[in-house]
Amino acid sequence: MKKHWIKKGLMFFTFFVAVLLLAGFIVMGLWNAILPAVLGVKTITFVQALGILLLSKILFGGFKGGPCGSGRQQWKARLQEKMGHMTPEEKEKFKAEWRNRCGGRWGMQEHEQVDTKQ
């Protein structure tokens, strides 16, 4: 049974290293193909590409663990819990307030409110 876990661990490690190498080469290739011509920056090496990947993970992803978007799932669960304790009137008031703040879903104005002034 122990050999099974060792084999699985080695496979995971190999897969992780392969994905890391592939991502590094993709970042390096895209950077070197696009940015020097567009922005006039210097080309980068593979190690610098890995550094950019790490920096972007720190700045944009964090190290919270779990799959991508787990923070969004926690936020959604808290919102659903909060909405679950509201009466239907409170839910409508909450939705209307956010519609006014954000301009409806995906920034589109909802056509529920019709201007009666002419």
PDB file of N, CA and C in Angstrom:
ATOM      1  N   MET A   1       0.821  -1.195   0.000  1.00  0.00           N
ATOM      2  CA  MET A   1       0.000   0.000   0.000  1.00  0.00           C
ATOM      3  C   MET A   1       0.865   1.259   0.000  1.00  0.00           C
ATOM      4  N   LYS A   2       2.011   1.192   0.696  1.00  0.00           N
ATOM      5  CA  LYS A   2       2.879   2.354   0.787  1.00  0.00           C
ATOM      6  C   LYS A   2       3.476   2.707  -0.566  1.00  0.00           C
ATOM      7  N   LYS A   3       3.791   1.699  -1.380  1.00  0.00           N
ATOM      8  CA  LYS A   3       4.351   1.944  -2.704  1.00  0.00           C
ATOM      9  C   LYS A   3       3.353   2.688  -3.584  1.00  0.00           C
ATOM     10  N   HIS A   4       2.068   2.403  -3.394  1.00  0.00           N
ATOM     11  CA  HIS A   4       1.030   3.070  -4.172  1.00  0.00           C
ATOM     12  C   HIS A   4       1.073   4.580  -3.920  1.00  0.00           C
ATOM     13  N   TRP A   5       1.216   4.997  -2.671  1.00  0.00           N
ATOM     14  CA  TRP A   5       1.258   6.433  -2.345  1.00  0.00           C
ATOM     15  C   TRP A   5       2.538   7.089  -2.846  1.00  0.00           C
ATOM     16  N   ILE A   6       3.640   6.346  -2.803  1.00  0.00           N
ATOM     17  CA  ILE A   6       4.899   6.890  -3.309  1.00  0.00           C
ATOM     18  C   ILE A   6       4.796   7.103  -4.817  1.00  0.00           C
ATOM     19  N   LYS A   7       4.227   6.125  -5.507  1.00  0.00           N
ATOM     20  CA  LYS A   7       4.054   6.240  -6.950  1.00  0.00           C
ATOM     21  C   LYS A   7       3.130   7.423  -7.289  1.00  0.00           C
ATOM     22  N   LYS A   8       2.059   7.558  -6.537  1.00  0.00           N
ATOM     23  CA  LYS A   8       1.121   8.667  -6.751  1.00  0.00           C
ATOM     24  C   LYS A   8       1.798  10.010  -6.470  1.00  0.00           C
ATOM     25  N   GLY A   9       2.597  10.079  -5.436  1.00  0.00           N
ATOM     26  CA  GLY A   9       3.321  11.306  -5.099  1.00  0.00           C
ATOM     27  C   GLY A   9       4.317  11.693  -6.176  1.00  0.00           C
ATOM     28  N   LEU A  10       5.035  10.705  -6.696  1.00  0.00           N
ATOM     29  CA  LEU A  10       5.983  10.973  -7.776  1.00  0.00           C
ATOM     30  C   LEU A  10       5.271  11.432  -9.042  1.00  0.00           C
ATOM     31  N   MET A  11       4.126  10.841  -9.326  1.00  0.00           N
ATOM     32  CA  MET A  11       3.356  11.259 -10.499  1.00  0.00           C
ATOM     33  C   MET A  11       2.865  12.702 -10.333  1.00  0.00           C
ATOM     34  N   PHE A  12       2.390  13.037  -9.135  1.00  0.00           N
ATOM     35  CA  PHE A  12       1.929  14.399  -8.871  1.00  0.00           C
ATOM     36  C   PHE A  12       3.082  15.386  -9.006  1.00  0.00           C
ATOM     37  N   PHE A  13       4.233  15.053  -8.442  1.00  0.00           N
ATOM     38  CA  PHE A  13       5.404  15.930  -8.517  1.00  0.00           C
ATOM     39  C   PHE A  13       5.832  16.137  -9.962  1.00  0.00           C
ATOM     40  N   THR A  14       5.858  15.044 -10.742  1.00  0.00           N
ATOM     41  CA  THR A  14       6.241  15.125 -12.154  1.00  0.00           C
ATOM     42  C   THR A  14       5.254  15.999 -12.922  1.00  0.00           C
ATOM     43  N   PHE A  15       3.975  15.818 -12.670  1.00  0.00           N
ATOM     44  CA  PHE A  15       2.945  16.626 -13.327  1.00  0.00           C
ATOM     45  C   PHE A  15       3.094  18.101 -12.946  1.00  0.00           C
ATOM     46  N   PHE A  16       3.329  18.383 -11.666  1.00  0.00           N
ATOM     47  CA  PHE A  16       3.499  19.759 -11.188  1.00  0.00           C
ATOM     48  C   PHE A  16       4.687  20.428 -11.862  1.00  0.00           C
ATOM     49  N   VAL A  17       5.811  19.714 -11.940  1.00  0.00           N
ATOM     50  CA  VAL A  17       7.016  20.265 -12.579  1.00  0.00           C
ATOM     51  C   VAL A  17       6.764  20.501 -14.070  1.00  0.00           C
ATOM     52  N   ALA A  18       6.075  19.569 -14.729  1.00  0.00           N
ATOM     53  CA  ALA A  18       5.787  19.723 -16.159  1.00  0.00           C
ATOM     54  C   ALA A  18       4.893  20.936 -16.409  1.00  0.00           C
ATOM     55  N   VAL A  19       3.874  21.115 -15.581  1.00  0.00           N
ATOM     56  CA  VAL A  19       2.977  22.275 -15.735  1.00  0.00           C
ATOM     57  C   VAL A  19       3.738  23.568 -15.475  1.00  0.00           C
ATOM     58  N   LEU A  20       4.592  23.569 -14.464  1.00  0.00           N
ATOM     59  CA  LEU A  20       5.390  24.754 -14.149  1.00  0.00           C
ATOM     60  C   LEU A  20       6.331  25.105 -15.308  1.00  0.00           C
ATOM     61  N   LEU A  21       6.986  24.116 -15.862  1.00  0.00           N
ATOM     62  CA  LEU A  21       7.881  24.359 -17.000  1.00  0.00           C
ATOM     63  C   LEU A  21       7.101  24.873 -18.215  1.00  0.00           C
ATOM     64  N   LEU A  22       5.975  24.247 -18.492  1.00  0.00           N
ATOM     65  CA  LEU A  22       5.156  24.674 -19.628  1.00  0.00           C
ATOM     66  C   LEU A  22       4.668  26.107 -19.446  1.00  0.00           C
ATOM     67  N   ALA A  23       4.184  26.437 -18.244  1.00  0.00           N
ATOM     68  CA  ALA A  23       3.714  27.800 -17.977  1.00  0.00           C
ATOM     69  C   ALA A  23       4.854  28.803 -18.108  1.00  0.00           C
ATOM     70  N   GLY A  24       6.038  28.443 -17.634  1.00  0.00           N
ATOM     71  CA  GLY A  24       7.192  29.333 -17.761  1.00  0.00           C
ATOM     72  C   GLY A  24       7.551  29.595 -19.212  1.00  0.00           C
ATOM     73  N   PHE A  25       7.540  28.537 -20.019  1.00  0.00           N
ATOM     74  CA  PHE A  25       7.860  28.712 -21.440  1.00  0.00           C
ATOM     75  C   PHE A  25       6.776  29.513 -22.166  1.00  0.00           C
ATOM     76  N   ILE A  26       5.517  29.331 -21.778  1.00  0.00           N
ATOM     77  CA  ILE A  26       4.441  30.107 -22.396  1.00  0.00           C
ATOM     78  C   ILE A  26       4.579  31.588 -22.064  1.00  0.00           C
ATOM     79  N   VAL A  27       4.830  31.902 -20.791  1.00  0.00           N
ATOM     80  CA  VAL A  27       5.005  33.306 -20.392  1.00  0.00           C
ATOM     81  C   VAL A  27       6.205  33.914 -21.104  1.00  0.00           C
ATOM     82  N   MET A  28       7.316  33.182 -21.127  1.00  0.00           N
ATOM     83  CA  MET A  28       8.516  33.692 -21.788  1.00  0.00           C
ATOM     84  C   MET A  28       8.268  33.915 -23.281  1.00  0.00           C
ATOM     85  N   GLY A  29       7.631  32.963 -23.925  1.00  0.00           N
ATOM     86  CA  GLY A  29       7.367  33.080 -25.345  1.00  0.00           C
ATOM     87  C   GLY A  29       6.449  34.236 -25.679  1.00  0.00           C
ATOM     88  N   LEU A  30       5.364  34.365 -24.905  1.00  0.00           N
ATOM     89  CA  LEU A  30       4.437  35.468 -25.152  1.00  0.00           C
ATOM     90  C   LEU A  30       5.088  36.818 -24.889  1.00  0.00           C
ATOM     91  N   TRP A  31       5.822  36.917 -23.801  1.00  0.00           N
ATOM     92  CA  TRP A  31       6.500  38.174 -23.463  1.00  0.00           C
ATOM     93  C   TRP A  31       7.462  38.567 -24.587  1.00  0.00           C
ATOM     94  N   ASN A  32       8.305  37.614 -24.977  1.00  0.00           N
ATOM     95  CA  ASN A  32       9.336  37.907 -25.971  1.00  0.00           C
ATOM     96  C   ASN A  32       8.760  38.134 -27.366  1.00  0.00           C
ATOM     97  N   ALA A  33       7.593  37.580 -27.643  1.00  0.00           N
ATOM     98  CA  ALA A  33       6.985  37.758 -28.960  1.00  0.00           C
ATOM     99  C   ALA A  33       6.201  39.062 -29.066  1.00  0.00           C
ATOM    100  N   ILE A  34       5.645  39.520 -27.951  1.00  0.00           N
ATOM    101  CA  ILE A  34       4.721  40.664 -28.019  1.00  0.00           C
ATOM    102  C   ILE A  34       5.303  41.949 -27.436  1.00  0.00           C
ATOM    103  N   LEU A  35       5.759  41.895 -26.205  1.00  0.00           N
ATOM    104  CA  LEU A  35       6.101  43.129 -25.489  1.00  0.00           C
ATOM    105  C   LEU A  35       7.304  43.893 -26.038  1.00  0.00           C
ATOM    106  N   PRO A  36       8.370  43.265 -26.496  1.00  0.00           N
ATOM    107  CA  PRO A  36       9.461  44.077 -27.054  1.00  0.00           C
ATOM    108  C   PRO A  36       9.019  44.907 -28.258  1.00  0.00           C
ATOM    109  N   ALA A  37       8.168  44.356 -29.101  1.00  0.00           N
ATOM    110  CA  ALA A  37       7.711  45.091 -30.282  1.00  0.00           C
ATOM    111  C   ALA A  37       6.697  46.177 -29.916  1.00  0.00           C
ATOM    112  N   VAL A  38       5.843  45.890 -28.934  1.00  0.00           N
ATOM    113  CA  VAL A  38       4.774  46.832 -28.586  1.00  0.00           C
ATOM    114  C   VAL A  38       5.252  47.919 -27.626  1.00  0.00           C
ATOM    115  N   LEU A  39       5.955  47.515 -26.581  1.00  0.00           N
ATOM    116  CA  LEU A  39       6.355  48.474 -25.540  1.00  0.00           C
ATOM    117  C   LEU A  39       7.839  48.812 -25.549  1.00  0.00           C
ATOM    118  N   GLY A  40       8.616  48.100 -26.312  1.00  0.00           N
ATOM    119  CA  GLY A  40      10.045  48.366 -26.366  1.00  0.00           C
ATOM    120  C   GLY A  40      10.812  47.870 -25.156  1.00  0.00           C
ATOM    121  N   VAL A  41      10.291  46.876 -24.444  1.00  0.00           N
ATOM    122  CA  VAL A  41      10.998  46.317 -23.285  1.00  0.00           C
ATOM    123  C   VAL A  41      11.967  45.233 -23.756  1.00  0.00           C
ATOM    124  N   LYS A  42      12.867  44.831 -22.874  1.00  0.00           N
ATOM    125  CA  LYS A  42      13.848  43.800 -23.213  1.00  0.00           C
ATOM    126  C   LYS A  42      13.189  42.419 -23.159  1.00  0.00           C
ATOM    127  N   THR A  43      13.803  41.474 -23.828  1.00  0.00           N
ATOM    128  CA  THR A  43      13.333  40.096 -23.743  1.00  0.00           C
ATOM    129  C   THR A  43      13.728  39.527 -22.382  1.00  0.00           C
ATOM    130  N   ILE A  44      13.039  38.458 -21.980  1.00  0.00           N
ATOM    131  CA  ILE A  44      13.301  37.863 -20.669  1.00  0.00           C
ATOM    132  C   ILE A  44      13.780  36.434 -20.832  1.00  0.00           C
ATOM    133  N   THR A  45      14.403  35.915 -19.772  1.00  0.00           N
ATOM    134  CA  THR A  45      14.862  34.532 -19.748  1.00  0.00           C
ATOM    135  C   THR A  45      13.783  33.662 -19.116  1.00  0.00           C
ATOM    136  N   PHE A  46      14.016  32.353 -19.144  1.00  0.00           N
ATOM    137  CA  PHE A  46      13.063  31.414 -18.552  1.00  0.00           C
ATOM    138  C   PHE A  46      12.903  31.652 -17.047  1.00  0.00           C
ATOM    139  N   VAL A  47      14.003  31.891 -16.360  1.00  0.00           N
ATOM    140  CA  VAL A  47      13.959  32.127 -14.912  1.00  0.00           C
ATOM    141  C   VAL A  47      13.178  33.407 -14.603  1.00  0.00           C
ATOM    142  N   GLN A  48      13.352  34.434 -15.419  1.00  0.00           N
ATOM    143  CA  GLN A  48      12.584  35.663 -15.221  1.00  0.00           C
ATOM    144  C   GLN A  48      11.104  35.420 -15.470  1.00  0.00           C
ATOM    145  N   ALA A  49      10.776  34.559 -16.426  1.00  0.00           N
ATOM    146  CA  ALA A  49       9.375  34.223 -16.677  1.00  0.00           C
ATOM    147  C   ALA A  49       8.764  33.522 -15.471  1.00  0.00           C
ATOM    148  N   LEU A  50       9.524  32.618 -14.845  1.00  0.00           N
ATOM    149  CA  LEU A  50       9.036  31.972 -13.623  1.00  0.00           C
ATOM    150  C   LEU A  50       8.848  32.992 -12.503  1.00  0.00           C
ATOM    151  N   GLY A  51       9.741  33.977 -12.433  1.00  0.00           N
ATOM    152  CA  GLY A  51       9.587  35.041 -11.445  1.00  0.00           C
ATOM    153  C   GLY A  51       8.336  35.865 -11.679  1.00  0.00           C
ATOM    154  N   ILE A  52       8.020  36.129 -12.944  1.00  0.00           N
ATOM    155  CA  ILE A  52       6.796  36.868 -13.262  1.00  0.00           C
ATOM    156  C   ILE A  52       5.567  36.054 -12.867  1.00  0.00           C
ATOM    157  N   LEU A  53       5.612  34.737 -13.107  1.00  0.00           N
ATOM    158  CA  LEU A  53       4.509  33.880 -12.682  1.00  0.00           C
ATOM    159  C   LEU A  53       4.319  33.927 -11.169  1.00  0.00           C
ATOM    160  N   LEU A  54       5.413  33.839 -10.430  1.00  0.00           N
ATOM    161  CA  LEU A  54       5.345  33.887  -8.972  1.00  0.00           C
ATOM    162  C   LEU A  54       4.830  35.242  -8.492  1.00  0.00           C
ATOM    163  N   LEU A  55       5.341  36.311  -9.082  1.00  0.00           N
ATOM    164  CA  LEU A  55       4.893  37.654  -8.709  1.00  0.00           C
ATOM    165  C   LEU A  55       3.407  37.840  -8.990  1.00  0.00           C
ATOM    166  N   SER A  56       2.933  37.363 -10.130  1.00  0.00           N
ATOM    167  CA  SER A  56       1.511  37.506 -10.445  1.00  0.00           C
ATOM    168  C   SER A  56       0.656  36.685  -9.493  1.00  0.00           C
ATOM    169  N   LYS A  57       1.144  35.526  -9.060  1.00  0.00           N
ATOM    170  CA  LYS A  57       0.417  34.719  -8.087  1.00  0.00           C
ATOM    171  C   LYS A  57       0.321  35.457  -6.751  1.00  0.00           C
ATOM    172  N   ILE A  58       1.394  36.084  -6.343  1.00  0.00           N
ATOM    173  CA  ILE A  58       1.389  36.833  -5.080  1.00  0.00           C
ATOM    174  C   ILE A  58       0.447  38.035  -5.176  1.00  0.00           C
ATOM    175  N   LEU A  59       0.548  38.794  -6.270  1.00  0.00           N
ATOM    176  CA  LEU A  59      -0.236  40.021  -6.394  1.00  0.00           C
ATOM    177  C   LEU A  59      -1.709  39.766  -6.662  1.00  0.00           C
ATOM    178  N   PHE A  60      -2.012  38.788  -7.483  1.00  0.00           N
ATOM    179  CA  PHE A  60      -3.392  38.608  -7.926  1.00  0.00           C
ATOM    180  C   PHE A  60      -4.081  37.383  -7.359  1.00  0.00           C
ATOM    181  N   GLY A  61      -3.336  36.338  -7.003  1.00  0.00           N
ATOM    182  CA  GLY A  61      -3.964  35.105  -6.567  1.00  0.00           C
ATOM    183  C   GLY A  61      -3.861  34.857  -5.082  1.00  0.00           C
ATOM    184  N   GLY A  62      -2.777  35.294  -4.483  1.00  0.00           N
ATOM    185  CA  GLY A  62      -2.560  35.006  -3.072  1.00  0.00           C
ATOM    186  C   GLY A  62      -2.176  33.551  -2.864  1.00  0.00           C
ATOM    187  N   PHE A  63      -1.969  33.179  -1.625  1.00  0.00           N
ATOM    188  CA  PHE A  63      -1.605  31.809  -1.293  1.00  0.00           C
ATOM    189  C   PHE A  63      -2.603  31.240  -0.291  1.00  0.00           C
ATOM    190  N   LYS A  64      -3.870  31.370  -0.609  1.00  0.00           N
ATOM    191  CA  LYS A  64      -4.921  30.909   0.289  1.00  0.00           C
ATOM    192  C   LYS A  64      -5.137  29.410   0.200  1.00  0.00           C
ATOM    193  N   GLY A  65      -4.640  28.795  -0.839  1.00  0.00           N
ATOM    194  CA  GLY A  65      -4.834  27.370  -1.040  1.00  0.00           C
ATOM    195  C   GLY A  65      -6.168  27.101  -1.712  1.00  0.00           C
ATOM    196  N   GLY A  66      -6.338  25.888  -2.123  1.00  0.00           N
ATOM    197  CA  GLY A  66      -7.575  25.514  -2.783  1.00  0.00           C
ATOM    198  C   GLY A  66      -7.573  25.913  -4.239  1.00  0.00           C
ATOM    199  N   PRO A  67      -8.619  25.493  -4.937  1.00  0.00           N
ATOM    200  CA  PRO A  67      -8.686  25.796  -6.364  1.00  0.00           C
ATOM    201  C   PRO A  67      -8.945  27.268  -6.621  1.00  0.00           C
ATOM    202  N   CYS A  68      -8.733  27.657  -7.842  1.00  0.00           N
ATOM    203  CA  CYS A  68      -8.939  29.040  -8.248  1.00  0.00           C
ATOM    204  C   CYS A  68     -10.383  29.439  -7.993  1.00  0.00           C
ATOM    205  N   GLY A  69     -10.575  30.600  -7.390  1.00  0.00           N
ATOM    206  CA  GLY A  69     -11.932  31.084  -7.158  1.00  0.00           C
ATOM    207  C   GLY A  69     -12.520  30.661  -5.830  1.00  0.00           C
ATOM    208  N   SER A  70     -11.736  30.046  -4.939  1.00  0.00           N
ATOM    209  CA  SER A  70     -12.296  29.586  -3.669  1.00  0.00           C
ATOM    210  C   SER A  70     -12.749  30.759  -2.812  1.00  0.00           C
ATOM    211  N   GLY A  71     -12.063  31.909  -2.906  1.00  0.00           N
ATOM    212  CA  GLY A  71     -12.501  33.096  -2.161  1.00  0.00           C
ATOM    213  C   GLY A  71     -13.842  33.586  -2.647  1.00  0.00           C
ATOM    214  N   ARG A  72     -14.061  33.504  -3.957  1.00  0.00           N
ATOM    215  CA  ARG A  72     -15.331  33.912  -4.535  1.00  0.00           C
ATOM    216  C   ARG A  72     -16.441  32.978  -4.060  1.00  0.00           C
ATOM    217  N   GLN A  73     -16.153  31.687  -3.929  1.00  0.00           N
ATOM    218  CA  GLN A  73     -17.146  30.731  -3.466  1.00  0.00           C
ATOM    219  C   GLN A  73     -17.515  31.007  -2.014  1.00  0.00           C
ATOM    220  N   GLN A  74     -16.537  31.384  -1.187  1.00  0.00           N
ATOM    221  CA  GLN A  74     -16.819  31.715   0.203  1.00  0.00           C
ATOM    222  C   GLN A  74     -17.682  32.959   0.294  1.00  0.00           C
ATOM    223  N   TRP A  75     -17.388  33.965  -0.530  1.00  0.00           N
ATOM    224  CA  TRP A  75     -18.168  35.189  -0.552  1.00  0.00           C
ATOM    225  C   TRP A  75     -19.602  34.882  -0.960  1.00  0.00           C
ATOM    226  N   LYS A  76     -19.755  34.037  -1.966  1.00  0.00           N
ATOM    227  CA  LYS A  76     -21.075  33.678  -2.459  1.00  0.00           C
ATOM    228  C   LYS A  76     -21.862  32.926  -1.386  1.00  0.00           C
ATOM    229  N   ALA A  77     -21.204  32.036  -0.654  1.00  0.00           N
ATOM    230  CA  ALA A  77     -21.867  31.280   0.405  1.00  0.00           C
ATOM    231  C   ALA A  77     -22.329  32.211   1.524  1.00  0.00           C
ATOM    232  N   ARG A  78     -21.492  33.202   1.878  1.00  0.00           N
ATOM    233  CA  ARG A  78     -21.899  34.154   2.920  1.00  0.00           C
ATOM    234  C   ARG A  78     -23.095  34.980   2.470  1.00  0.00           C
ATOM    235  N   LEU A  79     -23.100  35.391   1.199  1.00  0.00           N
ATOM    236  CA  LEU A  79     -24.212  36.170   0.672  1.00  0.00           C
ATOM    237  C   LEU A  79     -25.490  35.346   0.659  1.00  0.00           C
ATOM    238  N   GLN A  80     -25.405  34.083   0.248  1.00  0.00           N
ATOM    239  CA  GLN A  80     -26.582  33.222   0.237  1.00  0.00           C
ATOM    240  C   GLN A  80     -27.113  32.996   1.649  1.00  0.00           C
ATOM    241  N   GLU A  81     -26.206  32.864   2.614  1.00  0.00           N
ATOM    242  CA  GLU A  81     -26.637  32.699   3.999  1.00  0.00           C
ATOM    243  C   GLU A  81     -27.351  33.955   4.492  1.00  0.00           C
ATOM    244  N   LYS A  82     -26.802  35.117   4.169  1.00  0.00           N
ATOM    245  CA  LYS A  82     -27.408  36.377   4.567  1.00  0.00           C
ATOM    246  C   LYS A  82     -28.785  36.539   3.912  1.00  0.00           C
ATOM    247  N   MET A  83     -28.867  36.211   2.613  1.00  0.00           N
ATOM    248  CA  MET A  83     -30.129  36.338   1.898  1.00  0.00           C
ATOM    249  C   MET A  83     -31.164  35.333   2.420  1.00  0.00           C
ATOM    250  N   GLY A  84     -30.699  34.198   2.915  1.00  0.00           N
ATOM    251  CA  GLY A  84     -31.606  33.181   3.437  1.00  0.00           C
ATOM    252  C   GLY A  84     -32.350  33.628   4.680  1.00  0.00           C
ATOM    253  N   HIS A  85     -31.772  34.553   5.430  1.00  0.00           N
ATOM    254  CA  HIS A  85     -32.397  35.030   6.656  1.00  0.00           C
ATOM    255  C   HIS A  85     -33.249  36.273   6.436  1.00  0.00           C
ATOM    256  N   MET A  86     -33.358  36.738   5.186  1.00  0.00           N
ATOM    257  CA  MET A  86     -34.127  37.946   4.894  1.00  0.00           C
ATOM    258  C   MET A  86     -35.557  37.598   4.498  1.00  0.00           C
ATOM    259  N   THR A  87     -36.447  38.510   4.785  1.00  0.00           N
ATOM    260  CA  THR A  87     -37.824  38.373   4.313  1.00  0.00           C
ATOM    261  C   THR A  87     -37.847  38.747   2.831  1.00  0.00           C
ATOM    262  N   PRO A  88     -38.895  38.369   2.099  1.00  0.00           N
ATOM    263  CA  PRO A  88     -38.973  38.739   0.675  1.00  0.00           C
ATOM    264  C   PRO A  88     -38.888  40.256   0.444  1.00  0.00           C
ATOM    265  N   GLU A  89     -39.454  41.042   1.347  1.00  0.00           N
ATOM    266  CA  GLU A  89     -39.385  42.500   1.207  1.00  0.00           C
ATOM    267  C   GLU A  89     -37.948  42.999   1.369  1.00  0.00           C
ATOM    268  N   GLU A  90     -37.233  42.430   2.357  1.00  0.00           N
ATOM    269  CA  GLU A  90     -35.844  42.819   2.571  1.00  0.00           C
ATOM    270  C   GLU A  90     -34.971  42.416   1.386  1.00  0.00           C
ATOM    271  N   LYS A  91     -35.256  41.243   0.791  1.00  0.00           N
ATOM    272  CA  LYS A  91     -34.498  40.807  -0.382  1.00  0.00           C
ATOM    273  C   LYS A  91     -34.690  41.767  -1.545  1.00  0.00           C
ATOM    274  N   GLU A  92     -35.926  42.182  -1.789  1.00  0.00           N
ATOM    275  CA  GLU A  92     -36.193  43.112  -2.886  1.00  0.00           C
ATOM    276  C   GLU A  92     -35.528  44.462  -2.643  1.00  0.00           C
ATOM    277  N   LYS A  93     -35.560  44.923  -1.389  1.00  0.00           N
ATOM    278  CA  LYS A  93     -34.926  46.197  -1.051  1.00  0.00           C
ATOM    279  C   LYS A  93     -33.409  46.088  -1.273  1.00  0.00           C
ATOM    280  N   PHE A  94     -32.812  44.975  -0.860  1.00  0.00           N
ATOM    281  CA  PHE A  94     -31.383  44.739  -1.026  1.00  0.00           C
ATOM    282  C   PHE A  94     -31.006  44.713  -2.506  1.00  0.00           C
ATOM    283  N   LYS A  95     -31.779  43.975  -3.312  1.00  0.00           N
ATOM    284  CA  LYS A  95     -31.507  43.884  -4.745  1.00  0.00           C
ATOM    285  C   LYS A  95     -31.659  45.237  -5.429  1.00  0.00           C
ATOM    286  N   ALA A  96     -32.700  45.988  -5.045  1.00  0.00           N
ATOM    287  CA  ALA A  96     -32.921  47.303  -5.653  1.00  0.00           C
ATOM    288  C   ALA A  96     -31.773  48.250  -5.321  1.00  0.00           C
ATOM    289  N   GLU A  97     -31.280  48.181  -4.081  1.00  0.00           N
ATOM    290  CA  GLU A  97     -30.162  49.042  -3.684  1.00  0.00           C
ATOM    291  C   GLU A  97     -28.928  48.736  -4.516  1.00  0.00           C
ATOM    292  N   TRP A  98     -28.620  47.460  -4.726  1.00  0.00           N
ATOM    293  CA  TRP A  98     -27.444  47.091  -5.515  1.00  0.00           C
ATOM    294  C   TRP A  98     -27.639  47.371  -6.998  1.00  0.00           C
ATOM    295  N   ARG A  99     -28.891  47.267  -7.473  1.00  0.00           N
ATOM    296  CA  ARG A  99     -29.165  47.635  -8.858  1.00  0.00           C
ATOM    297  C   ARG A  99     -28.877  49.107  -9.077  1.00  0.00           C
ATOM    298  N   ASN A 100     -29.262  49.939  -8.112  1.00  0.00           N
ATOM    299  CA  ASN A 100     -29.008  51.381  -8.208  1.00  0.00           C
ATOM    300  C   ASN A 100     -27.513  51.681  -8.137  1.00  0.00           C
ATOM    301  N   ARG A 101     -26.788  50.955  -7.303  1.00  0.00           N
ATOM    302  CA  ARG A 101     -25.351  51.184  -7.161  1.00  0.00           C
ATOM    303  C   ARG A 101     -24.573  50.736  -8.390  1.00  0.00           C
ATOM    304  N   CYS A 102     -24.931  49.572  -8.932  1.00  0.00           N
ATOM    305  CA  CYS A 102     -24.128  48.947  -9.981  1.00  0.00           C
ATOM    306  C   CYS A 102     -24.733  49.042 -11.368  1.00  0.00           C
ATOM    307  N   GLY A 103     -25.917  49.545 -11.494  1.00  0.00           N
ATOM    308  CA  GLY A 103     -26.518  49.677 -12.813  1.00  0.00           C
ATOM    309  C   GLY A 103     -27.056  48.383 -13.367  1.00  0.00           C
ATOM    310  N   GLY A 104     -27.514  47.492 -12.534  1.00  0.00           N
ATOM    311  CA  GLY A 104     -28.083  46.246 -13.025  1.00  0.00           C
ATOM    312  C   GLY A 104     -27.025  45.191 -13.252  1.00  0.00           C
ATOM    313  N   ARG A 105     -27.451  44.082 -13.794  1.00  0.00           N
ATOM    314  CA  ARG A 105     -26.556  42.953 -14.005  1.00  0.00           C
ATOM    315  C   ARG A 105     -25.603  43.229 -15.156  1.00  0.00           C
ATOM    316  N   TRP A 106     -24.323  42.990 -14.945  1.00  0.00           N
ATOM    317  CA  TRP A 106     -23.251  43.182 -15.920  1.00  0.00           C
ATOM    318  C   TRP A 106     -23.234  44.606 -16.453  1.00  0.00           C
ATOM    319  N   GLY A 107     -23.612  45.567 -15.622  1.00  0.00           N
ATOM    320  CA  GLY A 107     -23.526  46.962 -16.015  1.00  0.00           C
ATOM    321  C   GLY A 107     -24.629  47.416 -16.947  1.00  0.00           C
ATOM    322  N   MET A 108     -25.604  46.581 -17.222  1.00  0.00           N
ATOM    323  CA  MET A 108     -26.695  46.966 -18.115  1.00  0.00           C
ATOM    324  C   MET A 108     -27.853  47.507 -17.283  1.00  0.00           C
ATOM    325  N   GLN A 109     -28.455  48.556 -17.743  1.00  0.00           N
ATOM    326  CA  GLN A 109     -29.590  49.132 -17.048  1.00  0.00           C
ATOM    327  C   GLN A 109     -30.800  48.232 -17.234  1.00  0.00           C
ATOM    328  N   GLU A 110     -31.524  48.011 -16.159  1.00  0.00           N
ATOM    329  CA  GLU A 110     -32.729  47.218 -16.260  1.00  0.00           C
ATOM    330  C   GLU A 110     -33.864  48.125 -16.704  1.00  0.00           C
ATOM    331  N   HIS A 111     -34.774  47.573 -17.463  1.00  0.00           N
ATOM    332  CA  HIS A 111     -35.859  48.357 -18.031  1.00  0.00           C
ATOM    333  C   HIS A 111     -37.122  48.268 -17.193  1.00  0.00           C
ATOM    334  N   GLU A 112     -36.977  47.952 -15.911  1.00  0.00           N
ATOM    335  CA  GLU A 112     -38.140  47.868 -15.038  1.00  0.00           C
ATOM    336  C   GLU A 112     -38.688  49.250 -14.708  1.00  0.00           C
ATOM    337  N   GLN A 113     -37.781  50.215 -14.559  1.00  0.00           N
ATOM    338  CA  GLN A 113     -38.209  51.556 -14.201  1.00  0.00           C
ATOM    339  C   GLN A 113     -38.444  52.339 -15.470  1.00  0.00           C
ATOM    340  N   VAL A 114     -39.681  52.781 -15.667  1.00  0.00           N
ATOM    341  CA  VAL A 114     -40.034  53.541 -16.852  1.00  0.00           C
ATOM    342  C   VAL A 114     -40.272  54.982 -16.435  1.00  0.00           C
ATOM    343  N   ASP A 115     -39.616  55.902 -17.119  1.00  0.00           N
ATOM    344  CA  ASP A 115     -39.762  57.313 -16.798  1.00  0.00           C
ATOM    345  C   ASP A 115     -41.110  57.791 -17.319  1.00  0.00           C
ATOM    346  N   THR A 116     -41.982  58.256 -16.405  1.00  0.00           N
ATOM    347  CA  THR A 116     -43.330  58.686 -16.788  1.00  0.00           C
ATOM    348  C   THR A 116     -43.394  60.156 -17.112  1.00  0.00           C
ATOM    349  N   LYS A 117     -42.302  60.894 -16.869  1.00  0.00           N
ATOM    350  CA  LYS A 117     -42.302  62.324 -17.155  1.00  0.00           C
ATOM    351  C   LYS A 117     -42.110  62.534 -18.659  1.00  0.00           C
ATOM    352  N   GLN A 118     -42.893  63.454 -19.215  1.00  0.00           N
ATOM    353  CA  GLN A 118     -42.746  63.725 -20.655  1.00  0.00           C
ATOM    354  C   GLN A 118     -42.685  65.200 -20.895  1.00  0.00           C
TER     355      GLN A 118
END
